[in-house]
Amino acid sequence: MLQIIPLTNIISCLNYIVMKKMLLTLFFPIILYADYDYSLQDYNSTSPTYGSDVWNPEYSDYITMHFFSSQG
């Protein structure tokens, strides 16, 4: 027996597939060509590395989160 699938289910499934492909197409080059080699000066006066450049390659064996912000 042939089962009939509603058209709205087919359209929503196609929309999901198209959106997934679009996101992968947009983000893959960003991840592929990203360069995480940088250093920033530590401005935290309570830090033991205050005034020195921190990052490379001190934390290369760790999973890190990169967050940039400004005061104000």
Protein backbone atom coordinates (compact mmCIF):
# COMPACT_ATOMS: atom_id res chain seq x y z
CA MET A 1 0.00 0.00 0.00
CA LEU A 2 1.31 3.45 -0.92
CA GLN A 3 1.48 5.98 1.89
CA ILE A 4 0.87 9.64 1.07
CA ILE A 5 3.12 12.13 2.88
CA PRO A 6 1.74 15.64 3.41
CA LEU A 7 3.39 18.31 1.29
CA THR A 8 4.15 20.50 4.32
CA ASN A 9 6.32 17.72 5.82
CA ILE A 10 8.28 17.41 2.59
CA ILE A 11 8.81 21.18 2.35
CA SER A 12 9.93 21.51 5.97
CA CYS A 13 12.38 18.63 5.51
CA LEU A 14 13.80 20.23 2.35
CA ASN A 15 14.09 23.59 4.12
CA TYR A 16 16.10 21.92 6.91
CA ILE A 17 18.44 20.25 4.41
CA VAL A 18 18.96 23.46 2.43
CA MET A 19 19.61 25.48 5.61
CA LYS A 20 22.09 22.90 6.86
CA LYS A 21 24.00 22.99 3.56
CA MET A 22 24.02 26.80 3.58
CA LEU A 23 25.44 26.96 7.10
CA LEU A 24 28.13 24.41 6.32
CA THR A 25 29.05 26.29 3.15
CA LEU A 26 29.34 29.58 5.03
CA PHE A 27 31.21 28.38 8.13
CA PHE A 28 33.57 25.77 6.71
CA PRO A 29 35.92 28.31 5.05
CA ILE A 30 36.01 30.38 8.23
CA ILE A 31 37.11 27.39 10.30
CA LEU A 32 39.48 26.15 7.60
CA TYR A 33 41.40 29.42 7.21
CA ALA A 34 41.22 30.69 10.78
CA ASP A 35 44.52 31.74 12.33
CA TYR A 36 44.57 31.62 16.10
CA ASP A 37 48.20 32.66 16.54
CA TYR A 38 48.06 35.98 18.31
CA SER A 39 48.98 37.51 21.62
CA LEU A 40 47.47 40.26 23.72
CA GLN A 41 48.81 42.27 26.60
CA ASP A 42 47.45 41.31 30.01
CA TYR A 43 45.84 44.42 31.58
CA ASN A 44 44.56 42.63 34.70
CA SER A 45 46.61 44.11 37.57
CA THR A 46 45.84 41.12 39.83
CA SER A 47 47.16 38.61 37.30
CA PRO A 48 50.63 37.08 37.66
CA THR A 49 51.25 37.83 33.95
CA TYR A 50 50.24 41.51 34.25
CA GLY A 51 51.91 43.69 31.64
CA SER A 52 53.22 40.84 29.51
CA ASP A 53 51.90 39.37 26.29
CA VAL A 54 49.91 36.23 26.93
CA TRP A 55 48.70 33.41 24.75
CA ASN A 56 51.10 31.97 22.26
CA PRO A 57 52.14 29.12 22.79
CA GLU A 58 51.54 28.91 26.54
CA TYR A 59 48.01 27.48 26.24
CA SER A 60 48.43 25.38 23.08
CA ASP A 61 47.52 22.09 24.82
CA TYR A 62 44.25 23.42 26.23
CA ILE A 63 40.77 23.97 24.86
CA THR A 64 40.22 27.73 24.97
CA MET A 65 37.36 30.14 24.50
CA HIS A 66 38.14 33.38 22.68
CA PHE A 67 36.14 36.38 23.87
CA PHE A 68 36.87 40.01 23.11
CA SER A 69 35.12 42.86 24.84
CA SER A 70 35.56 46.48 25.74
CA GLN A 71 34.59 48.44 28.79
CA GLY A 72 31.79 50.88 28.34
